[in-house]
Protein backbone atom coordinates (compact mmCIF):
# COMPACT_ATOMS: atom_id res chain seq x y z
CA UNK A 1 8.65 -27.31 5.75
CA UNK A 2 6.10 -29.86 5.91
CA UNK A 3 3.21 -27.76 4.60
CA UNK A 4 5.19 -27.03 1.24
CA UNK A 5 3.40 -28.72 -1.36
CA UNK A 6 6.12 -30.02 -4.94
CA UNK A 7 5.57 -28.10 -8.18
CA UNK A 8 2.85 -25.41 -7.15
CA UNK A 9 3.97 -24.06 -10.58
CA UNK A 10 5.41 -25.74 -13.94
CA UNK A 11 8.20 -25.33 -15.35
CA UNK A 12 6.41 -24.04 -18.36
CA UNK A 13 5.08 -21.67 -16.35
CA UNK A 14 8.83 -20.37 -14.65
CA UNK A 15 10.10 -20.50 -18.58
CA UNK A 16 6.82 -18.05 -18.83
CA UNK A 17 7.46 -15.36 -16.18
CA UNK A 18 11.50 -15.30 -16.79
CA UNK A 19 10.41 -14.47 -20.80
CA UNK A 20 8.60 -11.99 -19.45
CA UNK A 21 11.01 -10.50 -17.24
CA UNK A 22 13.32 -11.05 -20.80
CA UNK A 23 15.50 -13.66 -18.17
CA UNK A 24 18.30 -15.80 -20.08
CA UNK A 25 18.75 -18.94 -17.32
CA UNK A 26 19.79 -21.88 -17.64
CA UNK A 27 18.02 -25.55 -16.61
CA UNK A 28 19.23 -25.74 -13.67
CA UNK A 29 17.78 -22.20 -12.67
CA UNK A 30 15.07 -22.48 -13.82
CA UNK A 31 14.32 -25.68 -11.59
CA UNK A 32 15.67 -23.73 -8.59
CA UNK A 33 13.19 -21.36 -9.41
CA UNK A 34 10.64 -23.59 -9.77
CA UNK A 35 11.31 -25.19 -6.45
CA UNK A 36 11.06 -21.95 -4.71
CA UNK A 37 8.74 -20.00 -6.25
CA UNK A 38 6.67 -23.09 -5.62
CA UNK A 39 7.37 -22.58 -1.58
CA UNK A 40 6.43 -19.11 -1.77
CA UNK A 41 2.97 -19.96 -3.57
CA UNK A 42 2.30 -22.72 -1.29
CA UNK A 43 3.19 -20.80 2.08
CA UNK A 44 0.87 -18.04 -0.10
CA UNK A 45 -2.19 -20.72 0.32
CA UNK A 46 -0.95 -21.00 4.06
CA UNK A 47 -1.13 -17.65 4.48
CA UNK A 48 -4.65 -17.44 3.47
CA UNK A 49 -6.48 -19.79 4.86
CA UNK A 50 -5.38 -18.19 8.66
CA UNK A 51 -9.15 -16.80 10.09
CA UNK A 52 -9.42 -12.89 10.13
CA UNK A 53 -8.62 -10.85 13.04
CA UNK A 54 -11.90 -9.97 14.14
CA UNK A 55 -12.58 -6.38 14.11
CA UNK A 56 -12.06 -4.24 16.92
CA UNK A 57 -13.79 -1.40 18.20
CA UNK A 58 -12.23 2.32 17.16
CA UNK A 59 -10.54 3.53 21.23
CA UNK A 60 -11.18 6.83 19.82
CA UNK A 61 -15.34 7.20 20.10
CA UNK A 62 -15.36 11.39 19.89
CA UNK A 63 -13.83 13.89 17.64
CA UNK A 64 -11.26 15.68 20.09
CA UNK A 65 -9.37 18.12 16.71
CA UNK A 66 -10.90 21.30 18.46
CA UNK A 67 -13.21 23.29 15.73
CA UNK A 68 -11.88 25.32 12.65
CA UNK A 69 -13.62 28.86 13.40
CA UNK A 70 -13.15 31.80 10.91
CA UNK A 71 -13.71 34.95 12.00
CA UNK A 72 -13.05 38.18 10.28
CA UNK A 73 -10.30 39.99 10.96
CA UNK A 74 -9.28 43.38 9.04
CA UNK A 75 -5.73 43.77 11.11
CA UNK A 76 -2.86 42.26 9.18
CA UNK A 77 -0.36 43.05 11.75
CA UNK A 78 1.74 41.20 13.30
CA UNK A 79 1.40 43.50 16.37
CA UNK A 80 -2.86 42.66 16.28
CA UNK A 81 -2.30 39.29 15.60
CA UNK A 82 0.06 38.93 18.35
CA UNK A 83 -2.49 40.64 20.50
CA UNK A 84 -5.13 38.38 19.31
CA UNK A 85 -3.31 35.03 19.41
CA UNK A 86 -1.74 35.72 22.59
CA UNK A 87 -3.64 37.83 24.38
CA UNK A 88 -2.16 40.45 24.50
CA UNK A 89 -3.30 43.74 26.17
CA UNK A 90 -2.33 46.93 24.58
CA UNK A 91 0.00 49.25 26.51
CA UNK A 92 1.36 52.55 26.22
CA UNK A 93 4.12 51.98 23.19
CA UNK A 94 1.41 49.24 21.03
């Protein structure tokens, strides 16, 4: 990839990160991770230069949810609640 710059992170910084992570790395591994971390940091630089998208207007303009209505209710029996919720009318059995 041509946008990548070499050595965005030094070998000493990679050694420091490895020490903080309590990793024992060989010189070959340190050089490998230096290259990989440099590529990652270069890509992050590239992405951070991208323009911000314009903020779009929200599709939902009004509250489409029903309002909460608190009503006093004294009869908490199942049949009374079913009548209230489902609009059941009083029958001979109830």
